Amino acid sequence: MRNHRKIISFDLDGTLVSAQYGDMVWNHGIPVEYAKKYSMGFEDARKTVIGEYKTLGDGDLLWYDIGYWLKRFNLDVSPEELLKRYEDYILPAQDAKEVLGRLKERYTLIVASNAARIFVEKELAYTGLAPYFNRIISATSDYGMVKKGEDFYRRLCLEMDAQAGDFIHIGDHPVFDFMAPSSLGIEAYLFKSHDPFFSIYHTEKIDGKTISSLGELEVLL
């Protein structure tokens, strides 16, 4: 039997939580460890590490696996230790708890993120947002998908025993959080924070479908 309460799915990084955390772990934390391991300056280490990332590219599932990279670089730090080191950069969206608390009374809330589950669980636990969600889904860890395209949203509907019309999705990526779900008939909103450092995607607004805060979403719904 389908759940008759509408489902709101949220992207995580750049929507519920600042994207700065992931950037610090991948593009600062790992280069710092690489520089120590191989007695290099930070900038040289950073260039080397980013160059290695590009040898796989974001179309490969391993690109999202921090454990893989730490082993590949032979670095003496665990994924958990590295994620904890930069946790002060995990910054929730303004009024996140208050708005999610009210939305949870009317909707089924889930997280639908492209990030690996180890990042998703860390960010939700650190911000205290985890209890607001019925389900947490990582495209890469749970579905083996590298992007949230149409196939991701079809599978999401099946998993939630819901139809496209039962869903509302919010995220900051113009293709994977807006165009892909919209093409299936999912009501989608593009999240574009007033803080230019909150999201890594700086796209133009889409009239009537762009929101700058979770409070604005609540008013629209």
Protein backbone atom coordinates (compact mmCIF):
# COMPACT_ATOMS: atom_id res chain seq x y z
CA MET A 1 0.00 0.00 0.00
CA ARG A 2 1.39 3.38 -0.96
CA ASN A 3 2.12 5.98 1.68
CA HIS A 4 -0.47 8.73 1.05
CA ARG A 5 1.63 11.41 2.72
CA LYS A 6 3.67 13.30 0.16
CA ILE A 7 7.40 12.65 0.25
CA ILE A 8 9.97 15.44 0.27
CA SER A 9 13.46 14.35 -0.75
CA PHE A 10 16.39 16.61 0.00
CA ASP A 11 19.82 16.73 -1.50
CA LEU A 12 22.42 17.11 1.25
CA ASP A 13 25.58 19.05 0.35
CA GLY A 14 24.75 22.56 -0.80
CA THR A 15 21.13 22.18 0.31
CA LEU A 16 20.76 21.00 3.90
CA VAL A 17 24.46 21.35 4.72
CA SER A 18 27.17 23.59 3.31
CA ALA A 19 29.26 21.95 0.57
CA GLN A 20 32.38 23.37 2.22
CA TYR A 21 32.88 20.27 4.37
CA GLY A 22 33.37 17.86 1.49
CA ASP A 23 35.67 20.33 -0.22
CA MET A 24 37.84 20.56 2.90
CA VAL A 25 38.14 16.79 3.27
CA TRP A 26 38.88 16.03 -0.38
CA ASN A 27 40.87 19.07 -1.50
CA HIS A 28 42.61 20.06 1.72
CA GLY A 29 42.66 17.12 4.13
CA ILE A 30 43.95 14.50 1.73
CA PRO A 31 46.59 16.83 0.21
CA VAL A 32 47.79 17.70 3.74
CA GLU A 33 48.31 14.00 4.47
CA TYR A 34 49.94 13.48 1.07
CA ALA A 35 52.35 16.36 1.69
CA LYS A 36 53.37 14.88 5.05
CA LYS A 37 53.77 11.38 3.65
CA TYR A 38 55.92 12.37 0.71
CA SER A 39 57.70 15.46 2.15
CA MET A 40 56.15 17.90 -0.31
CA GLY A 41 54.79 21.41 -0.10
CA PHE A 42 51.02 21.64 0.23
CA GLU A 43 50.35 23.21 -3.19
CA ASP A 44 52.44 20.59 -4.99
CA ALA A 45 50.68 17.85 -3.04
CA ARG A 46 47.30 19.33 -3.84
CA LYS A 47 48.05 19.47 -7.56
CA THR A 48 49.23 15.86 -7.49
CA VAL A 49 46.19 14.63 -5.59
CA ILE A 50 43.69 16.47 -7.79
CA GLY A 51 45.52 15.20 -10.86
CA GLU A 52 45.08 11.66 -9.55
CA TYR A 53 41.39 12.26 -8.95
CA LYS A 54 41.06 13.22 -12.61
CA THR A 55 42.55 9.91 -13.75
CA LEU A 56 39.29 8.29 -12.66
CA GLY A 57 36.79 11.14 -12.99
CA ASP A 58 33.37 11.40 -11.41
CA GLY A 59 31.91 8.76 -13.73
CA ASP A 60 33.70 6.03 -11.75
CA LEU A 61 32.25 4.84 -8.43
CA LEU A 62 35.73 4.65 -6.90
CA TRP A 63 36.03 8.41 -7.34
CA TYR A 64 33.56 8.78 -4.44
CA ASP A 65 35.28 6.20 -2.18
CA ILE A 66 37.53 7.96 0.29
CA GLY A 67 38.88 4.65 1.58
CA TYR A 68 40.05 3.80 -1.92
CA TRP A 69 42.01 7.05 -2.24
CA LEU A 70 43.65 6.78 1.17
CA LYS A 71 44.86 3.28 0.23
CA ARG A 72 45.90 4.36 -3.25
CA PHE A 73 48.02 7.16 -1.79
CA ASN A 74 49.22 4.91 1.05
CA LEU A 75 48.26 7.52 3.64
CA ASP A 76 48.40 6.82 7.38
CA VAL A 77 44.94 8.08 8.30
CA SER A 78 41.53 6.38 8.41
CA PRO A 79 38.45 7.77 6.66
CA GLU A 80 36.76 8.24 10.04
CA GLU A 81 39.70 10.18 11.45
CA LEU A 82 39.89 12.45 8.42
CA LEU A 83 36.16 13.17 8.44
CA LYS A 84 36.25 13.98 12.15
CA ARG A 85 39.20 16.35 11.72
CA TYR A 86 37.17 18.76 9.56
CA GLU A 87 33.76 18.36 11.17
CA ASP A 88 33.71 22.00 12.28
CA TYR A 89 33.09 22.81 8.60
CA ILE A 90 29.77 20.99 8.66
CA LEU A 91 27.33 23.90 8.66
CA PRO A 92 23.56 23.32 8.42
CA ALA A 93 21.24 25.50 6.39
CA GLN A 94 19.61 28.34 8.28
CA ASP A 95 16.62 27.26 10.42
CA ALA A 96 17.04 23.67 9.22
CA LYS A 97 15.84 21.99 12.42
CA GLU A 98 12.88 24.30 12.89
CA VAL A 99 11.63 23.97 9.32
CA LEU A 100 12.25 20.22 9.06
CA GLY A 101 10.48 19.71 12.36
CA ARG A 102 7.35 21.38 11.02
CA LEU A 103 7.53 19.68 7.62
CA LYS A 104 7.92 16.28 9.26
CA GLU A 105 4.44 16.67 10.74
CA ARG A 106 2.92 16.85 7.24
CA TYR A 107 5.32 14.96 4.97
CA THR A 108 7.59 11.93 4.85
CA LEU A 109 11.13 13.34 4.69
CA ILE A 110 14.10 11.58 3.13
CA VAL A 111 17.65 12.46 2.14
CA ALA A 112 18.63 11.59 -1.45
CA SER A 113 22.31 12.45 -1.84
CA ASN A 114 25.03 11.69 -4.35
CA ALA A 115 27.65 11.69 -1.57
CA ALA A 116 29.01 8.43 -0.15
CA ARG A 117 27.11 7.16 2.90
CA ILE A 118 30.06 7.75 5.24
CA PHE A 119 29.81 11.50 4.48
CA VAL A 120 26.01 11.59 4.61
CA GLU A 121 25.80 9.90 8.01
CA LYS A 122 28.60 12.04 9.44
CA GLU A 123 26.99 15.31 8.33
CA LEU A 124 23.50 14.39 9.49
CA ALA A 125 24.74 13.15 12.87
CA TYR A 126 26.97 16.18 13.49
CA THR A 127 24.20 18.67 12.68
CA GLY A 128 21.56 16.71 14.58
CA LEU A 129 19.38 16.49 11.46
CA ALA A 130 19.25 12.68 11.20
CA PRO A 131 16.09 12.19 13.35
CA TYR A 132 13.99 14.26 10.94
CA PHE A 133 14.33 11.72 8.11
CA ASN A 134 12.54 8.44 7.49
CA ARG A 135 15.12 7.27 4.97
CA ILE A 136 18.67 8.19 4.00
CA ILE A 137 19.75 7.16 0.50
CA SER A 138 23.17 7.56 -1.10
CA ALA A 139 23.18 7.20 -4.88
CA THR A 140 26.77 5.97 -4.90
CA SER A 141 26.78 3.74 -1.81
CA ASP A 142 23.24 2.32 -1.96
CA TYR A 143 22.37 2.28 -5.66
CA GLY A 144 25.82 2.08 -7.26
CA MET A 145 24.96 5.15 -9.35
CA VAL A 146 27.41 8.00 -9.86
CA LYS A 147 24.80 10.64 -10.63
CA LYS A 148 21.19 11.29 -9.65
CA GLY A 149 19.75 10.95 -13.13
CA GLU A 150 16.30 9.76 -14.20
CA ASP A 151 17.12 6.14 -13.29
CA PHE A 152 17.93 7.21 -9.75
CA TYR A 153 14.54 8.86 -9.28
CA ARG A 154 12.72 5.90 -10.84
CA ARG A 155 14.39 3.59 -8.36
CA LEU A 156 13.68 6.02 -5.54
CA CYS A 157 9.97 5.94 -6.41
CA LEU A 158 9.97 2.14 -6.43
CA GLU A 159 11.81 1.93 -3.13
CA MET A 160 9.40 4.35 -1.47
CA ASP A 161 6.40 2.60 -3.10
CA ALA A 162 5.40 5.95 -4.56
CA GLN A 163 4.69 7.63 -7.86
CA ALA A 164 6.43 10.69 -9.27
CA GLY A 165 3.44 12.83 -8.32
CA ASP A 166 3.90 11.85 -4.68
CA PHE A 167 7.35 13.44 -4.57
CA ILE A 168 8.82 16.89 -4.05
CA HIS A 169 12.60 17.19 -4.46
CA ILE A 170 14.94 20.01 -3.42
CA GLY A 171 18.62 20.33 -4.32
CA ASP A 172 21.28 22.65 -5.66
CA HIS A 173 22.39 20.90 -8.86
CA PRO A 174 20.51 22.24 -11.92
CA VAL A 175 20.61 18.91 -13.76
CA PHE A 176 20.57 16.17 -11.11
CA ASP A 177 18.35 17.93 -8.58
CA PHE A 178 16.05 19.83 -10.92
CA MET A 179 15.99 18.75 -14.56
CA ALA A 180 16.21 14.99 -13.92
CA PRO A 181 13.36 14.76 -11.39
CA SER A 182 11.27 17.34 -13.25
CA SER A 183 11.47 15.26 -16.44
CA LEU A 184 9.72 12.41 -14.60
CA GLY A 185 6.94 14.60 -13.23
CA ILE A 186 8.45 15.14 -9.79
CA GLU A 187 7.81 18.60 -8.37
CA ALA A 188 11.34 20.00 -8.00
CA TYR A 189 12.89 23.16 -6.61
CA LEU A 190 16.41 24.43 -7.16
CA PHE A 191 18.09 25.53 -3.94
CA LYS A 192 20.29 28.59 -4.38
CA SER A 193 21.53 30.00 -1.07
CA HIS A 194 22.27 33.70 -0.68
CA ASP A 195 25.63 32.56 0.73
CA PRO A 196 27.87 32.07 -2.36
CA PHE A 197 30.04 29.58 -0.44
CA PHE A 198 27.17 27.32 0.63
CA SER A 199 26.96 25.47 -2.70
CA ILE A 200 29.59 24.69 -5.32
CA TYR A 201 27.05 25.21 -8.11
CA HIS A 202 26.50 28.84 -9.03
CA THR A 203 23.66 28.69 -11.50
CA GLU A 204 21.03 31.12 -12.73
CA LYS A 205 17.67 31.12 -11.01
CA ILE A 206 14.72 29.31 -12.55
CA ASP A 207 11.62 31.49 -12.27
CA GLY A 208 9.11 30.14 -9.79
CA LYS A 209 11.25 27.11 -9.03
CA THR A 210 14.24 28.55 -7.19
CA ILE A 211 14.35 28.93 -3.42
CA SER A 212 17.04 30.53 -1.27
CA SER A 213 16.07 29.07 2.12
CA LEU A 214 14.18 26.18 3.69
CA GLY A 215 11.76 28.73 5.14
CA GLU A 216 10.90 29.84 1.61
CA LEU A 217 10.19 26.22 0.71
CA GLU A 218 7.87 25.89 3.68
CA VAL A 219 5.87 28.92 2.52
CA LEU A 220 5.56 27.54 -1.02
CA LEU A 221 4.27 24.20 0.25
